[in-house]
Amino acid sequence: MKSAFFFALTFLFHFCFFISFLGSRMGVLYRFVINFGYLYKDLGYAIAKVKKTVFSVWLCAWLSLSLNDV
């Protein structure tokens, strides 16, 4: 009876430790995914801004060259 109680207590301790360890690791993983999402979104904004700038420069150059030909 004493060994069954000791086994149950040990099992409960390890189970609680495993759940807390898993919870802390999931928190780290969750924060990593959220931060990666923000980084990806910011990178998308930066690429869109660069594309818009390159297109604007190309359009201005094309218009100036076209107007110089006239």
N, C-alpha and C. Protein backbone atom coordinates (compact mmCIF):
# COMPACT_ATOMS: atom_id res chain seq x y z
N MET A 1 0.83 -1.19 0.00
CA MET A 1 0.00 0.00 0.00
C MET A 1 0.87 1.25 0.00
N LYS A 2 1.95 1.18 0.78
CA LYS A 2 2.84 2.33 0.86
C LYS A 2 3.54 2.56 -0.48
N SER A 3 3.93 1.49 -1.17
CA SER A 3 4.61 1.64 -2.46
C SER A 3 3.65 2.18 -3.52
N ALA A 4 2.37 1.79 -3.46
CA ALA A 4 1.38 2.31 -4.41
C ALA A 4 1.19 3.81 -4.20
N PHE A 5 1.14 4.22 -2.94
CA PHE A 5 1.00 5.65 -2.64
C PHE A 5 2.24 6.42 -3.12
N PHE A 6 3.42 5.86 -2.88
CA PHE A 6 4.66 6.49 -3.33
C PHE A 6 4.70 6.57 -4.85
N PHE A 7 4.27 5.49 -5.53
CA PHE A 7 4.24 5.48 -6.99
C PHE A 7 3.27 6.55 -7.51
N ALA A 8 2.10 6.66 -6.89
CA ALA A 8 1.11 7.66 -7.32
C ALA A 8 1.65 9.07 -7.11
N LEU A 9 2.31 9.29 -5.98
CA LEU A 9 2.88 10.60 -5.69
C LEU A 9 3.99 10.94 -6.69
N THR A 10 4.84 9.98 -6.99
CA THR A 10 5.91 10.19 -7.97
C THR A 10 5.34 10.46 -9.35
N PHE A 11 4.32 9.67 -9.72
CA PHE A 11 3.68 9.87 -11.02
C PHE A 11 3.06 11.26 -11.12
N LEU A 12 2.38 11.67 -10.06
CA LEU A 12 1.76 13.00 -10.05
C LEU A 12 2.81 14.10 -10.15
N PHE A 13 3.91 13.95 -9.44
CA PHE A 13 4.98 14.94 -9.50
C PHE A 13 5.55 15.04 -10.91
N HIS A 14 5.84 13.88 -11.52
CA HIS A 14 6.41 13.90 -12.87
C HIS A 14 5.41 14.43 -13.89
N PHE A 15 4.14 14.09 -13.71
CA PHE A 15 3.11 14.58 -14.62
C PHE A 15 3.00 16.10 -14.54
N CYS A 16 2.99 16.64 -13.33
CA CYS A 16 2.91 18.10 -13.16
C CYS A 16 4.16 18.78 -13.72
N PHE A 17 5.32 18.17 -13.49
CA PHE A 17 6.56 18.73 -14.02
C PHE A 17 6.54 18.73 -15.55
N PHE A 18 6.05 17.62 -16.14
CA PHE A 18 5.99 17.53 -17.59
C PHE A 18 5.03 18.57 -18.16
N ILE A 19 3.88 18.74 -17.53
CA ILE A 19 2.90 19.72 -18.01
C ILE A 19 3.47 21.13 -17.90
N SER A 20 4.13 21.45 -16.80
CA SER A 20 4.69 22.80 -16.66
C SER A 20 5.83 23.02 -17.66
N PHE A 21 6.66 21.99 -17.88
CA PHE A 21 7.74 22.10 -18.85
C PHE A 21 7.18 22.29 -20.25
N LEU A 22 6.16 21.50 -20.59
CA LEU A 22 5.54 21.62 -21.90
C LEU A 22 4.89 22.99 -22.07
N GLY A 23 4.25 23.48 -21.02
CA GLY A 23 3.62 24.79 -21.08
C GLY A 23 4.64 25.90 -21.30
N SER A 24 5.77 25.82 -20.63
CA SER A 24 6.79 26.86 -20.82
C SER A 24 7.38 26.78 -22.21
N ARG A 25 7.60 25.57 -22.73
CA ARG A 25 8.13 25.44 -24.09
C ARG A 25 7.12 25.91 -25.12
N MET A 26 5.84 25.64 -24.90
CA MET A 26 4.82 26.09 -25.84
C MET A 26 4.74 27.61 -25.83
N GLY A 27 4.96 28.23 -24.67
CA GLY A 27 4.97 29.68 -24.61
C GLY A 27 6.11 30.26 -25.44
N VAL A 28 7.28 29.64 -25.34
CA VAL A 28 8.42 30.10 -26.13
C VAL A 28 8.14 29.90 -27.62
N LEU A 29 7.58 28.75 -27.97
CA LEU A 29 7.26 28.49 -29.37
C LEU A 29 6.21 29.47 -29.88
N TYR A 30 5.21 29.75 -29.04
CA TYR A 30 4.15 30.69 -29.44
C TYR A 30 4.73 32.08 -29.67
N ARG A 31 5.61 32.52 -28.76
CA ARG A 31 6.23 33.85 -28.94
C ARG A 31 7.10 33.88 -30.18
N PHE A 32 7.81 32.79 -30.48
CA PHE A 32 8.64 32.74 -31.68
C PHE A 32 7.79 32.85 -32.93
N VAL A 33 6.65 32.12 -32.95
CA VAL A 33 5.77 32.17 -34.12
C VAL A 33 5.19 33.56 -34.29
N ILE A 34 4.77 34.18 -33.19
CA ILE A 34 4.20 35.53 -33.28
C ILE A 34 5.25 36.52 -33.76
N ASN A 35 6.46 36.45 -33.21
CA ASN A 35 7.53 37.37 -33.64
C ASN A 35 7.90 37.13 -35.09
N PHE A 36 7.93 35.87 -35.53
CA PHE A 36 8.22 35.58 -36.93
C PHE A 36 7.13 36.14 -37.83
N GLY A 37 5.87 36.07 -37.36
CA GLY A 37 4.77 36.65 -38.13
C GLY A 37 4.92 38.15 -38.28
N TYR A 38 5.29 38.83 -37.19
CA TYR A 38 5.51 40.27 -37.28
C TYR A 38 6.68 40.59 -38.19
N LEU A 39 7.75 39.80 -38.12
CA LEU A 39 8.91 40.02 -38.97
C LEU A 39 8.53 39.82 -40.43
N TYR A 40 7.75 38.79 -40.71
CA TYR A 40 7.32 38.51 -42.08
C TYR A 40 6.44 39.64 -42.61
N LYS A 41 5.57 40.15 -41.74
CA LYS A 41 4.69 41.25 -42.15
C LYS A 41 5.51 42.51 -42.42
N ASP A 42 6.46 42.83 -41.54
CA ASP A 42 7.31 44.00 -41.75
C ASP A 42 8.16 43.85 -43.01
N LEU A 43 8.64 42.64 -43.26
CA LEU A 43 9.41 42.38 -44.47
C LEU A 43 8.54 42.57 -45.70
N GLY A 44 7.28 42.14 -45.61
CA GLY A 44 6.35 42.35 -46.72
C GLY A 44 6.12 43.82 -46.98
N TYR A 45 5.97 44.61 -45.91
CA TYR A 45 5.80 46.06 -46.09
C TYR A 45 7.05 46.67 -46.72
N ALA A 46 8.22 46.24 -46.28
CA ALA A 46 9.47 46.79 -46.83
C ALA A 46 9.60 46.45 -48.31
N ILE A 47 9.28 45.21 -48.68
CA ILE A 47 9.37 44.82 -50.09
C ILE A 47 8.37 45.61 -50.92
N ALA A 48 7.17 45.80 -50.40
CA ALA A 48 6.16 46.58 -51.13
C ALA A 48 6.62 48.03 -51.30
N LYS A 49 7.25 48.58 -50.27
CA LYS A 49 7.74 49.96 -50.36
C LYS A 49 8.86 50.06 -51.39
N VAL A 50 9.77 49.10 -51.40
CA VAL A 50 10.86 49.10 -52.38
C VAL A 50 10.30 48.95 -53.79
N LYS A 51 9.32 48.06 -53.96
CA LYS A 51 8.71 47.89 -55.28
C LYS A 51 8.07 49.19 -55.75
N LYS A 52 7.36 49.84 -54.84
CA LYS A 52 6.70 51.09 -55.20
C LYS A 52 7.73 52.16 -55.55
N THR A 53 8.82 52.22 -54.81
CA THR A 53 9.87 53.20 -55.09
C THR A 53 10.53 52.92 -56.43
N VAL A 54 10.85 51.65 -56.68
CA VAL A 54 11.48 51.29 -57.96
C VAL A 54 10.54 51.60 -59.12
N PHE A 55 9.26 51.29 -58.95
CA PHE A 55 8.29 51.59 -60.01
C PHE A 55 8.18 53.09 -60.23
N SER A 56 8.18 53.88 -59.15
CA SER A 56 8.10 55.33 -59.29
C SER A 56 9.32 55.89 -60.01
N VAL A 57 10.50 55.40 -59.65
CA VAL A 57 11.73 55.86 -60.32
C VAL A 57 11.71 55.46 -61.79
N TRP A 58 11.28 54.23 -62.07
CA TRP A 58 11.21 53.78 -63.47
C TRP A 58 10.20 54.61 -64.26
N LEU A 59 9.06 54.92 -63.65
CA LEU A 59 8.03 55.71 -64.34
C LEU A 59 8.53 57.13 -64.61
N CYS A 60 9.19 57.73 -63.63
CA CYS A 60 9.74 59.09 -63.83
C CYS A 60 10.81 59.09 -64.92
N ALA A 61 11.67 58.09 -64.91
CA ALA A 61 12.72 58.01 -65.93
C ALA A 61 12.11 57.79 -67.31
N TRP A 62 11.12 56.93 -67.41
CA TRP A 62 10.47 56.66 -68.69
C TRP A 62 9.75 57.90 -69.21
N LEU A 63 9.07 58.62 -68.32
CA LEU A 63 8.38 59.84 -68.74
C LEU A 63 9.36 60.91 -69.18
N SER A 64 10.45 61.06 -68.44
CA SER A 64 11.43 62.10 -68.82
C SER A 64 12.09 61.75 -70.15
N LEU A 65 12.40 60.48 -70.38
CA LEU A 65 12.98 60.09 -71.66
C LEU A 65 11.97 60.24 -72.80
N SER A 66 10.72 59.92 -72.52
CA SER A 66 9.69 60.06 -73.55
C SER A 66 9.47 61.53 -73.90
N LEU A 67 9.48 62.37 -72.90
CA LEU A 67 9.26 63.81 -73.16
C LEU A 67 10.47 64.43 -73.84
N ASN A 68 11.65 63.89 -73.59
CA ASN A 68 12.85 64.41 -74.27
C ASN A 68 12.86 64.05 -75.74
N ASP A 69 12.24 62.92 -76.09
CA ASP A 69 12.19 62.52 -77.50
C ASP A 69 11.24 63.39 -78.30
N VAL A 70 10.25 63.98 -77.67
CA VAL A 70 9.25 64.79 -78.39
C VAL A 70 9.78 66.10 -78.75
